[in-house]
Amino acid sequence: MTSFWSLWIIVLTTITIVGITWILLGNRKREQRQTERTTGHVADGIEEYDNPLPAWWFYMFVLTIVWGIGYLIIYPGMGNYPGLIGWTQIGQYDKEVAAADDQYRAVRDRYLALPIEEIASDPAVRKMGMRMFSNNCAQCHGGDARGSYGFPNLADDDWLYGGNPAQIKASITAGRQGAMPAWGSVIGEQGVADVTAYILSINGRETDATQAKAGEQVFQTYCVACHGAGAEGNVALGAPNLKNGIWLYGGSAEQISHSVRAGRNGVMPAHADTLSEDKIHILAAYVYGLSQ
């Protein structure tokens, strides 16, 4: 917080406390009036008498003001002032997380010692893994892990970087950087159209045979290095299988052409810095179990 906004909060809070104190004390009446003098306020036929507040009510107001001042001295609330005890929300959160980690670490360590294939069907592991997935993965892959446009479906048996336990764990730990280069400036618009026709043809979809044949030649020249001669992909590079009808960025002719022309870039963030090894192990077991 900048010095200006810190000072703004301090001044505004101080004015508020002083103001409500002045209103309370300035309007206090000590003696009960013997006359039936009213304030002139009438609501639904009920008149408000001009009498002092009951003593207990007045002192309750005073107590709340004193309590508020004490709170602002002990805890942060006056701009950048940290409070006498140095309490922060982040510090409290970290303390509670550390306590929870200590409480459940023994359980997680027991699962860490076991193979992912063995614990993937364990109900307790699935429950913990589902919660970790919801907190760390659902934002991209969806609550049901079935993905969306640009984000892979993790509940099927099609994997860009491989679906065995070690590969899944590596993806979660270190992340992935997917890059499909743009070929529009290299092969031209005609080449883009030809390759698109070829990709459609190997998926059993109707297209111009002559154009598909020309596209095959372009594919064998520029695309086989990643996708392979049979267009079945390469998990080592994260290159997708182009003949199984599963599309990360859409499988229409227009979407395929755009991928070829402009390329694609995808990032799976690394979680090694945010999740401990035992948590990654359990999360990997949960994801592995989704496709089994």
C-alpha atoms as a PDB file:
ATOM      1  CA  MET A   1       0.000   0.000   0.000  1.00  0.00           C
ATOM      2  CA  THR A   2       1.360   3.432  -0.922  1.00  0.00           C
ATOM      3  CA  SER A   3       1.993   6.087   1.708  1.00  0.00           C
ATOM      4  CA  PHE A   4      -0.872   8.197   0.369  1.00  0.00           C
ATOM      5  CA  TRP A   5      -3.510   5.485   0.776  1.00  0.00           C
ATOM      6  CA  SER A   6      -2.069   4.469   4.140  1.00  0.00           C
ATOM      7  CA  LEU A   7      -2.419   8.046   5.384  1.00  0.00           C
ATOM      8  CA  TRP A   8      -5.892   8.289   3.848  1.00  0.00           C
ATOM      9  CA  ILE A   9      -7.082   5.243   5.810  1.00  0.00           C
ATOM     10  CA  ILE A  10      -5.502   6.467   9.062  1.00  0.00           C
ATOM     11  CA  VAL A  11      -7.065   9.933   8.794  1.00  0.00           C
ATOM     12  CA  LEU A  12     -10.486   8.639   7.730  1.00  0.00           C
ATOM     13  CA  THR A  13     -10.584   6.019  10.495  1.00  0.00           C
ATOM     14  CA  THR A  14      -9.466   8.540  13.130  1.00  0.00           C
ATOM     15  CA  ILE A  15     -12.115  11.071  12.039  1.00  0.00           C
ATOM     16  CA  THR A  16     -14.779   8.357  12.202  1.00  0.00           C
ATOM     17  CA  ILE A  17     -13.833   7.274  15.738  1.00  0.00           C
ATOM     18  CA  VAL A  18     -13.586  10.862  17.003  1.00  0.00           C
ATOM     19  CA  GLY A  19     -16.876  11.733  15.311  1.00  0.00           C
ATOM     20  CA  ILE A  20     -18.933   8.904  16.806  1.00  0.00           C
ATOM     21  CA  THR A  21     -17.374   9.597  20.233  1.00  0.00           C
ATOM     22  CA  TRP A  22     -18.357  13.269  20.001  1.00  0.00           C
ATOM     23  CA  ILE A  23     -21.895  12.384  18.923  1.00  0.00           C
ATOM     24  CA  LEU A  24     -22.265   9.944  21.835  1.00  0.00           C
ATOM     25  CA  LEU A  25     -20.881  12.272  24.525  1.00  0.00           C
ATOM     26  CA  GLY A  26     -22.245  15.485  23.073  1.00  0.00           C
ATOM     27  CA  ASN A  27     -25.816  14.217  23.130  1.00  0.00           C
ATOM     28  CA  ARG A  28     -25.679  12.556  26.504  1.00  0.00           C
ATOM     29  CA  LYS A  29     -28.239  13.614  29.117  1.00  0.00           C
ATOM     30  CA  ARG A  30     -27.599  12.722  32.727  1.00  0.00           C
ATOM     31  CA  GLU A  31     -30.958  13.521  34.357  1.00  0.00           C
ATOM     32  CA  GLN A  32     -34.398  12.140  33.719  1.00  0.00           C
ATOM     33  CA  ARG A  33     -36.814  14.936  32.817  1.00  0.00           C
ATOM     34  CA  GLN A  34     -40.027  15.133  34.842  1.00  0.00           C
ATOM     35  CA  THR A  35     -42.005  16.670  31.983  1.00  0.00           C
ATOM     36  CA  GLU A  36     -43.313  14.736  29.053  1.00  0.00           C
ATOM     37  CA  ARG A  37     -41.215  16.674  26.575  1.00  0.00           C
ATOM     38  CA  THR A  38     -40.790  14.921  23.224  1.00  0.00           C
ATOM     39  CA  THR A  39     -38.218  15.208  20.471  1.00  0.00           C
ATOM     40  CA  GLY A  40     -40.906  15.863  17.902  1.00  0.00           C
ATOM     41  CA  HIS A  41     -40.307  12.508  16.213  1.00  0.00           C
ATOM     42  CA  VAL A  42     -43.472  10.494  15.583  1.00  0.00           C
ATOM     43  CA  ALA A  43     -43.691   7.093  13.900  1.00  0.00           C
ATOM     44  CA  ASP A  44     -46.973   5.184  13.536  1.00  0.00           C
ATOM     45  CA  GLY A  45     -48.511   7.342  16.247  1.00  0.00           C
ATOM     46  CA  ILE A  46     -45.681   6.673  18.695  1.00  0.00           C
ATOM     47  CA  GLU A  47     -43.919   9.779  20.056  1.00  0.00           C
ATOM     48  CA  GLU A  48     -40.255   9.778  21.084  1.00  0.00           C
ATOM     49  CA  TYR A  49     -39.681  11.283  24.531  1.00  0.00           C
ATOM     50  CA  ASP A  50     -36.625  13.458  25.108  1.00  0.00           C
ATOM     51  CA  ASN A  51     -35.066  11.227  27.787  1.00  0.00           C
ATOM     52  CA  PRO A  52     -31.454  10.066  28.233  1.00  0.00           C
ATOM     53  CA  LEU A  53     -30.277   6.606  27.195  1.00  0.00           C
ATOM     54  CA  PRO A  54     -30.280   3.975  29.927  1.00  0.00           C
ATOM     55  CA  ALA A  55     -26.864   3.903  31.617  1.00  0.00           C
ATOM     56  CA  TRP A  56     -26.111   0.319  30.550  1.00  0.00           C
ATOM     57  CA  TRP A  57     -26.860   1.209  26.944  1.00  0.00           C
ATOM     58  CA  PHE A  58     -24.594   4.271  27.047  1.00  0.00           C
ATOM     59  CA  TYR A  59     -21.715   2.306  28.576  1.00  0.00           C
ATOM     60  CA  MET A  60     -22.113  -0.415  25.942  1.00  0.00           C
ATOM     61  CA  PHE A  61     -21.506   2.254  23.297  1.00  0.00           C
ATOM     62  CA  VAL A  62     -18.430   3.463  25.186  1.00  0.00           C
ATOM     63  CA  LEU A  63     -17.158  -0.116  25.460  1.00  0.00           C
ATOM     64  CA  THR A  64     -17.444  -0.713  21.725  1.00  0.00           C
ATOM     65  CA  ILE A  65     -15.438   2.459  21.006  1.00  0.00           C
ATOM     66  CA  VAL A  66     -12.722   1.439  23.479  1.00  0.00           C
ATOM     67  CA  TRP A  67     -12.675  -2.079  22.048  1.00  0.00           C
ATOM     68  CA  GLY A  68     -12.333  -0.702  18.502  1.00  0.00           C
ATOM     69  CA  ILE A  69      -9.399   1.502  19.479  1.00  0.00           C
ATOM     70  CA  GLY A  70      -7.721  -1.428  21.252  1.00  0.00           C
ATOM     71  CA  TYR A  71      -8.236  -3.642  18.206  1.00  0.00           C
ATOM     72  CA  LEU A  72      -6.607  -1.075  15.907  1.00  0.00           C
ATOM     73  CA  ILE A  73      -3.622  -0.897  18.260  1.00  0.00           C
ATOM     74  CA  ILE A  74      -3.107  -4.660  18.483  1.00  0.00           C
ATOM     75  CA  TYR A  75      -4.040  -5.689  14.921  1.00  0.00           C
ATOM     76  CA  PRO A  76      -3.327  -4.065  11.519  1.00  0.00           C
ATOM     77  CA  GLY A  77      -6.082  -1.739  10.422  1.00  0.00           C
ATOM     78  CA  MET A  78      -4.575   1.733  10.293  1.00  0.00           C
ATOM     79  CA  GLY A  79      -2.936   1.835   6.867  1.00  0.00           C
ATOM     80  CA  ASN A  80       0.535   0.315   6.879  1.00  0.00           C
ATOM     81  CA  TYR A  81       0.691   0.066  10.661  1.00  0.00           C
ATOM     82  CA  PRO A  82       1.375  -3.677  11.352  1.00  0.00           C
ATOM     83  CA  GLY A  83      -0.156  -3.840  14.835  1.00  0.00           C
ATOM     84  CA  LEU A  84       1.586  -4.670  18.094  1.00  0.00           C
ATOM     85  CA  ILE A  85       1.524  -8.445  17.580  1.00  0.00           C
ATOM     86  CA  GLY A  86       2.413  -8.387  13.873  1.00  0.00           C
ATOM     87  CA  TRP A  87      -0.563 -10.553  12.848  1.00  0.00           C
ATOM     88  CA  THR A  88      -1.334 -10.962   9.125  1.00  0.00           C
ATOM     89  CA  GLN A  89      -3.870 -12.975   7.154  1.00  0.00           C
ATOM     90  CA  ILE A  90      -1.090 -14.618   5.173  1.00  0.00           C
ATOM     91  CA  GLY A  91       0.777 -15.575   8.327  1.00  0.00           C
ATOM     92  CA  GLN A  92      -2.374 -17.068   9.835  1.00  0.00           C
ATOM     93  CA  TYR A  93      -3.080 -18.996   6.643  1.00  0.00           C
ATOM     94  CA  ASP A  94       0.464 -20.355   6.443  1.00  0.00           C
ATOM     95  CA  LYS A  95       0.276 -21.409  10.088  1.00  0.00           C
ATOM     96  CA  GLU A  96      -2.962 -23.323   9.561  1.00  0.00           C
ATOM     97  CA  VAL A  97      -1.683 -24.945   6.368  1.00  0.00           C
ATOM     98  CA  ALA A  98       1.506 -26.036   8.150  1.00  0.00           C
ATOM     99  CA  ALA A  99      -0.545 -27.511  10.989  1.00  0.00           C
ATOM    100  CA  ALA A 100      -2.722 -29.435   8.523  1.00  0.00           C
ATOM    101  CA  ASP A 101       0.364 -30.673   6.655  1.00  0.00           C
ATOM    102  CA  ASP A 102       1.876 -31.960   9.893  1.00  0.00           C
ATOM    103  CA  GLN A 103      -1.395 -33.655  10.803  1.00  0.00           C
ATOM    104  CA  TYR A 104      -1.781 -35.536   7.516  1.00  0.00           C
ATOM    105  CA  ARG A 105       1.835 -35.924   6.420  1.00  0.00           C
ATOM    106  CA  ALA A 106       2.149 -39.421   7.878  1.00  0.00           C
ATOM    107  CA  VAL A 107      -0.850 -40.552   5.834  1.00  0.00           C
ATOM    108  CA  ARG A 108       0.477 -39.014   2.630  1.00  0.00           C
ATOM    109  CA  ASP A 109       3.981 -40.394   3.223  1.00  0.00           C
ATOM    110  CA  ARG A 110       2.494 -43.885   3.487  1.00  0.00           C
ATOM    111  CA  TYR A 111       0.913 -43.467   0.051  1.00  0.00           C
ATOM    112  CA  LEU A 112       4.100 -41.924  -1.359  1.00  0.00           C
ATOM    113  CA  ALA A 113       5.915 -45.187  -0.654  1.00  0.00           C
ATOM    114  CA  LEU A 114       3.410 -47.145  -2.779  1.00  0.00           C
ATOM    115  CA  PRO A 115       3.225 -47.317  -6.603  1.00  0.00           C
ATOM    116  CA  ILE A 116       0.670 -45.058  -8.276  1.00  0.00           C
ATOM    117  CA  GLU A 117      -0.974 -48.038  -9.982  1.00  0.00           C
ATOM    118  CA  GLU A 118      -1.596 -49.602  -6.591  1.00  0.00           C
ATOM    119  CA  ILE A 119      -3.160 -46.599  -4.877  1.00  0.00           C
ATOM    120  CA  ALA A 120      -5.117 -45.174  -7.853  1.00  0.00           C
ATOM    121  CA  SER A 121      -8.276 -47.058  -6.878  1.00  0.00           C
ATOM    122  CA  ASP A 122      -7.990 -46.427  -3.133  1.00  0.00           C
ATOM    123  CA  PRO A 123     -11.109 -44.436  -2.046  1.00  0.00           C
ATOM    124  CA  ALA A 124      -9.096 -42.293   0.384  1.00  0.00           C
ATOM    125  CA  VAL A 125      -6.535 -41.431  -2.295  1.00  0.00           C
ATOM    126  CA  ARG A 126      -9.260 -40.599  -4.784  1.00  0.00           C
ATOM    127  CA  LYS A 127     -10.953 -38.328  -2.253  1.00  0.00           C
ATOM    128  CA  MET A 128      -7.726 -36.462  -1.476  1.00  0.00           C
ATOM    129  CA  GLY A 129      -6.748 -36.353  -5.143  1.00  0.00           C
ATOM    130  CA  MET A 130     -10.133 -34.972  -6.174  1.00  0.00           C
ATOM    131  CA  ARG A 131      -9.771 -32.090  -3.704  1.00  0.00           C
ATOM    132  CA  MET A 132      -6.243 -31.330  -4.915  1.00  0.00           C
ATOM    133  CA  PHE A 133      -7.472 -31.474  -8.515  1.00  0.00           C
ATOM    134  CA  SER A 134     -10.323 -29.058  -7.741  1.00  0.00           C
ATOM    135  CA  ASN A 135      -7.896 -26.597  -6.134  1.00  0.00           C
ATOM    136  CA  ASN A 136      -5.095 -26.787  -8.682  1.00  0.00           C
ATOM    137  CA  CYS A 137      -6.313 -28.222 -11.990  1.00  0.00           C
ATOM    138  CA  ALA A 138     -10.047 -27.722 -12.457  1.00  0.00           C
ATOM    139  CA  GLN A 139      -9.587 -24.104 -13.563  1.00  0.00           C
ATOM    140  CA  CYS A 140      -8.221 -25.379 -16.882  1.00  0.00           C
ATOM    141  CA  HIS A 141      -9.313 -29.002 -17.192  1.00  0.00           C
ATOM    142  CA  GLY A 142     -12.781 -28.566 -15.672  1.00  0.00           C
ATOM    143  CA  GLY A 143     -14.313 -30.052 -12.557  1.00  0.00           C
ATOM    144  CA  ASP A 144     -14.924 -33.346 -14.370  1.00  0.00           C
ATOM    145  CA  ALA A 145     -11.389 -33.313 -15.882  1.00  0.00           C
ATOM    146  CA  ARG A 146     -12.812 -33.522 -19.395  1.00  0.00           C
ATOM    147  CA  GLY A 147     -11.064 -30.365 -20.523  1.00  0.00           C
ATOM    148  CA  SER A 148     -12.248 -27.748 -22.984  1.00  0.00           C
ATOM    149  CA  TYR A 149     -10.974 -25.886 -26.028  1.00  0.00           C
ATOM    150  CA  GLY A 150      -7.176 -25.784 -25.677  1.00  0.00           C
ATOM    151  CA  PHE A 151      -7.139 -27.877 -22.492  1.00  0.00           C
ATOM    152  CA  PRO A 152      -6.766 -31.677 -22.728  1.00  0.00           C
ATOM    153  CA  ASN A 153      -9.369 -34.186 -21.576  1.00  0.00           C
ATOM    154  CA  LEU A 154      -7.766 -36.157 -18.737  1.00  0.00           C
ATOM    155  CA  ALA A 155     -10.574 -38.693 -18.430  1.00  0.00           C
ATOM    156  CA  ASP A 156      -9.942 -40.541 -21.703  1.00  0.00           C
ATOM    157  CA  ASP A 157      -7.030 -42.672 -22.881  1.00  0.00           C
ATOM    158  CA  ASP A 158      -5.526 -40.132 -25.280  1.00  0.00           C
ATOM    159  CA  TRP A 159      -2.399 -38.420 -23.937  1.00  0.00           C
ATOM    160  CA  LEU A 160      -0.170 -35.778 -25.499  1.00  0.00           C
ATOM    161  CA  TYR A 161       2.809 -36.600 -23.277  1.00  0.00           C
ATOM    162  CA  GLY A 162       1.938 -40.153 -22.312  1.00  0.00           C
ATOM    163  CA  GLY A 163      -0.487 -41.554 -19.784  1.00  0.00           C
ATOM    164  CA  ASN A 164       1.562 -43.930 -17.660  1.00  0.00           C
ATOM    165  CA  PRO A 165       2.055 -42.973 -13.992  1.00  0.00           C
ATOM    166  CA  ALA A 166       5.614 -41.701 -14.448  1.00  0.00           C
ATOM    167  CA  GLN A 167       4.657 -39.509 -17.398  1.00  0.00           C
ATOM    168  CA  ILE A 168       1.622 -38.048 -15.623  1.00  0.00           C
ATOM    169  CA  LYS A 169       3.700 -37.320 -12.529  1.00  0.00           C
ATOM    170  CA  ALA A 170       6.371 -35.635 -14.669  1.00  0.00           C
ATOM    171  CA  SER A 171       3.730 -33.443 -16.331  1.00  0.00           C
ATOM    172  CA  ILE A 172       2.370 -32.297 -12.966  1.00  0.00           C
ATOM    173  CA  THR A 173       5.805 -31.760 -11.431  1.00  0.00           C
ATOM    174  CA  ALA A 174       7.675 -29.961 -14.209  1.00  0.00           C
ATOM    175  CA  GLY A 175       4.827 -28.771 -16.417  1.00  0.00           C
ATOM    176  CA  ARG A 176       4.731 -28.906 -20.204  1.00  0.00           C
ATOM    177  CA  GLN A 177       5.424 -26.392 -22.952  1.00  0.00           C
ATOM    178  CA  GLY A 178       3.593 -27.254 -26.156  1.00  0.00           C
ATOM    179  CA  ALA A 179       4.446 -25.419 -29.361  1.00  0.00           C
ATOM    180  CA  MET A 180       3.050 -25.967 -32.846  1.00  0.00           C
ATOM    181  CA  PRO A 181       5.026 -23.741 -35.247  1.00  0.00           C
ATOM    182  CA  ALA A 182       3.199 -21.525 -37.720  1.00  0.00           C
ATOM    183  CA  TRP A 183       3.580 -22.840 -41.285  1.00  0.00           C
ATOM    184  CA  GLY A 184       1.539 -20.274 -43.177  1.00  0.00           C
ATOM    185  CA  SER A 185       4.546 -18.238 -44.308  1.00  0.00           C
ATOM    186  CA  VAL A 186       6.456 -21.394 -45.271  1.00  0.00           C
ATOM    187  CA  ILE A 187       3.964 -23.448 -47.259  1.00  0.00           C
ATOM    188  CA  GLY A 188       1.616 -20.657 -48.320  1.00  0.00           C
ATOM    189  CA  GLU A 189      -2.153 -20.594 -48.245  1.00  0.00           C
ATOM    190  CA  GLN A 190      -2.420 -23.322 -50.849  1.00  0.00           C
ATOM    191  CA  GLY A 191      -0.181 -25.558 -48.795  1.00  0.00           C
ATOM    192  CA  VAL A 192      -2.339 -24.911 -45.722  1.00  0.00           C
ATOM    193  CA  ALA A 193      -5.463 -25.908 -47.641  1.00  0.00           C
ATOM    194  CA  ASP A 194      -3.768 -29.049 -49.021  1.00  0.00           C
ATOM    195  CA  VAL A 195      -2.502 -30.212 -45.617  1.00  0.00           C
ATOM    196  CA  THR A 196      -5.935 -29.588 -44.118  1.00  0.00           C
ATOM    197  CA  ALA A 197      -7.489 -31.749 -46.818  1.00  0.00           C
ATOM    198  CA  TYR A 198      -4.974 -34.518 -46.108  1.00  0.00           C
ATOM    199  CA  ILE A 199      -5.632 -34.462 -42.357  1.00  0.00           C
ATOM    200  CA  LEU A 200      -9.374 -34.619 -42.973  1.00  0.00           C
ATOM    201  CA  SER A 201      -8.880 -37.569 -45.327  1.00  0.00           C
ATOM    202  CA  ILE A 202      -6.888 -39.669 -42.840  1.00  0.00           C
ATOM    203  CA  ASN A 203      -9.736 -39.177 -40.403  1.00  0.00           C
ATOM    204  CA  GLY A 204     -12.154 -40.704 -42.873  1.00  0.00           C
ATOM    205  CA  ARG A 205     -13.836 -37.416 -43.714  1.00  0.00           C
ATOM    206  CA  GLU A 206     -14.911 -36.398 -47.178  1.00  0.00           C
ATOM    207  CA  THR A 207     -12.483 -34.113 -49.016  1.00  0.00           C
ATOM    208  CA  ASP A 208     -10.982 -33.535 -52.457  1.00  0.00           C
ATOM    209  CA  ALA A 209      -8.767 -36.528 -53.242  1.00  0.00           C
ATOM    210  CA  THR A 210      -6.355 -34.597 -55.464  1.00  0.00           C
ATOM    211  CA  GLN A 211      -5.891 -31.888 -52.865  1.00  0.00           C
ATOM    212  CA  ALA A 212      -5.432 -34.474 -50.132  1.00  0.00           C
ATOM    213  CA  LYS A 213      -2.721 -36.168 -52.193  1.00  0.00           C
ATOM    214  CA  ALA A 214      -0.899 -32.861 -52.586  1.00  0.00           C
ATOM    215  CA  GLY A 215      -1.322 -32.247 -48.873  1.00  0.00           C
ATOM    216  CA  GLU A 216       0.274 -35.595 -48.086  1.00  0.00           C
ATOM    217  CA  GLN A 217       3.426 -34.485 -49.869  1.00  0.00           C
ATOM    218  CA  VAL A 218       3.506 -31.266 -47.841  1.00  0.00           C
ATOM    219  CA  PHE A 219       2.876 -33.240 -44.663  1.00  0.00           C
ATOM    220  CA  GLN A 220       5.704 -35.673 -45.356  1.00  0.00           C
ATOM    221  CA  THR A 221       8.039 -32.745 -45.973  1.00  0.00           C
ATOM    222  CA  TYR A 222       7.228 -30.483 -43.025  1.00  0.00           C
ATOM    223  CA  CYS A 223       5.160 -32.342 -40.422  1.00  0.00           C
ATOM    224  CA  VAL A 224       6.578 -35.847 -40.020  1.00  0.00           C
ATOM    225  CA  ALA A 225       9.403 -34.649 -37.756  1.00  0.00           C
ATOM    226  CA  CYS A 226       6.880 -34.166 -34.938  1.00  0.00           C
ATOM    227  CA  HIS A 227       3.731 -36.066 -35.901  1.00  0.00           C
ATOM    228  CA  GLY A 228       5.434 -39.053 -37.513  1.00  0.00           C
ATOM    229  CA  ALA A 229       5.049 -40.520 -40.978  1.00  0.00           C
ATOM    230  CA  GLY A 230       1.717 -42.081 -40.007  1.00  0.00           C
ATOM    231  CA  ALA A 231       0.473 -38.872 -38.293  1.00  0.00           C
ATOM    232  CA  GLU A 232       0.067 -40.799 -35.045  1.00  0.00           C
ATOM    233  CA  GLY A 233       1.958 -38.231 -32.968  1.00  0.00           C
ATOM    234  CA  ASN A 234       4.910 -38.395 -30.612  1.00  0.00           C
ATOM    235  CA  VAL A 235       4.498 -38.338 -26.816  1.00  0.00           C
ATOM    236  CA  ALA A 236       8.131 -37.346 -26.352  1.00  0.00           C
ATOM    237  CA  LEU A 237       7.376 -34.032 -28.079  1.00  0.00           C
ATOM    238  CA  GLY A 238       3.741 -33.679 -27.075  1.00  0.00           C
ATOM    239  CA  ALA A 239       2.763 -33.870 -30.752  1.00  0.00           C
ATOM    240  CA  PRO A 240      -0.851 -35.083 -31.017  1.00  0.00           C
ATOM    241  CA  ASN A 241      -2.187 -38.018 -32.993  1.00  0.00           C
ATOM    242  CA  LEU A 242      -3.857 -36.443 -36.031  1.00  0.00           C
ATOM    243  CA  LYS A 243      -5.872 -39.452 -37.152  1.00  0.00           C
ATOM    244  CA  ASN A 244      -7.913 -40.451 -34.088  1.00  0.00           C
ATOM    245  CA  GLY A 245     -10.548 -37.710 -34.263  1.00  0.00           C
ATOM    246  CA  ILE A 246      -9.543 -36.155 -30.922  1.00  0.00           C
ATOM    247  CA  TRP A 247      -8.795 -32.440 -31.215  1.00  0.00           C
ATOM    248  CA  LEU A 248      -7.374 -30.044 -28.659  1.00  0.00           C
ATOM    249  CA  TYR A 249      -8.160 -26.923 -30.691  1.00  0.00           C
ATOM    250  CA  GLY A 250     -11.121 -28.172 -32.685  1.00  0.00           C
ATOM    251  CA  GLY A 251     -11.368 -30.504 -35.695  1.00  0.00           C
ATOM    252  CA  SER A 252     -13.293 -28.456 -38.224  1.00  0.00           C
ATOM    253  CA  ALA A 253     -11.583 -27.601 -41.512  1.00  0.00           C
ATOM    254  CA  GLU A 254     -11.324 -23.959 -40.448  1.00  0.00           C
ATOM    255  CA  GLN A 255      -9.812 -24.821 -37.056  1.00  0.00           C
ATOM    256  CA  ILE A 256      -7.311 -27.260 -38.526  1.00  0.00           C
ATOM    257  CA  SER A 257      -6.286 -24.695 -41.148  1.00  0.00           C
ATOM    258  CA  HIS A 258      -5.786 -22.085 -38.450  1.00  0.00           C
ATOM    259  CA  SER A 259      -3.564 -24.452 -36.438  1.00  0.00           C
ATOM    260  CA  VAL A 260      -1.418 -25.134 -39.510  1.00  0.00           C
ATOM    261  CA  ARG A 261      -1.309 -21.514 -40.612  1.00  0.00           C
ATOM    262  CA  ALA A 262      -0.769 -19.706 -37.293  1.00  0.00           C
ATOM    263  CA  GLY A 263       0.521 -22.444 -35.009  1.00  0.00           C
ATOM    264  CA  ARG A 264      -0.474 -23.162 -31.427  1.00  0.00           C
ATOM    265  CA  ASN A 265       1.145 -22.613 -28.058  1.00  0.00           C
ATOM    266  CA  GLY A 266       0.084 -24.284 -24.847  1.00  0.00           C
ATOM    267  CA  VAL A 267       1.509 -24.152 -21.335  1.00  0.00           C
ATOM    268  CA  MET A 268       0.922 -26.609 -18.514  1.00  0.00           C
ATOM    269  CA  PRO A 269       2.351 -24.886 -15.401  1.00  0.00           C
ATOM    270  CA  ALA A 270       4.782 -26.736 -13.155  1.00  0.00           C
ATOM    271  CA  HIS A 271       3.478 -27.568  -9.684  1.00  0.00           C
ATOM    272  CA  ALA A 272       6.751 -28.552  -8.027  1.00  0.00           C
ATOM    273  CA  ASP A 273       6.876 -25.216  -6.214  1.00  0.00           C
ATOM    274  CA  THR A 274       3.256 -25.265  -5.052  1.00  0.00           C
ATOM    275  CA  LEU A 275       2.682 -28.927  -4.189  1.00  0.00           C
ATOM    276  CA  SER A 276       4.876 -31.231  -2.121  1.00  0.00           C
ATOM    277  CA  GLU A 277       6.101 -34.519  -3.561  1.00  0.00           C
ATOM    278  CA  ASP A 278       3.569 -36.589  -1.621  1.00  0.00           C
ATOM    279  CA  LYS A 279       0.694 -34.403  -2.851  1.00  0.00           C
ATOM    280  CA  ILE A 280       1.884 -34.656  -6.453  1.00  0.00           C
ATOM    281  CA  HIS A 281       2.052 -38.441  -6.053  1.00  0.00           C
ATOM    282  CA  ILE A 282      -1.548 -38.597  -4.837  1.00  0.00           C
ATOM    283  CA  LEU A 283      -2.738 -36.150  -7.515  1.00  0.00           C
ATOM    284  CA  ALA A 284      -1.007 -38.214 -10.212  1.00  0.00           C
ATOM    285  CA  ALA A 285      -2.740 -41.324  -8.887  1.00  0.00           C
ATOM    286  CA  TYR A 286      -6.108 -39.552  -9.097  1.00  0.00           C
ATOM    287  CA  VAL A 287      -5.522 -38.413 -12.691  1.00  0.00           C
ATOM    288  CA  TYR A 288      -4.212 -41.833 -13.688  1.00  0.00           C
ATOM    289  CA  GLY A 289      -7.331 -43.427 -12.215  1.00  0.00           C
ATOM    290  CA  LEU A 290      -9.622 -41.212 -14.292  1.00  0.00           C
ATOM    291  CA  SER A 291      -8.631 -42.973 -17.494  1.00  0.00           C
ATOM    292  CA  GLN A 292      -8.553 -46.520 -16.165  1.00  0.00           C
END
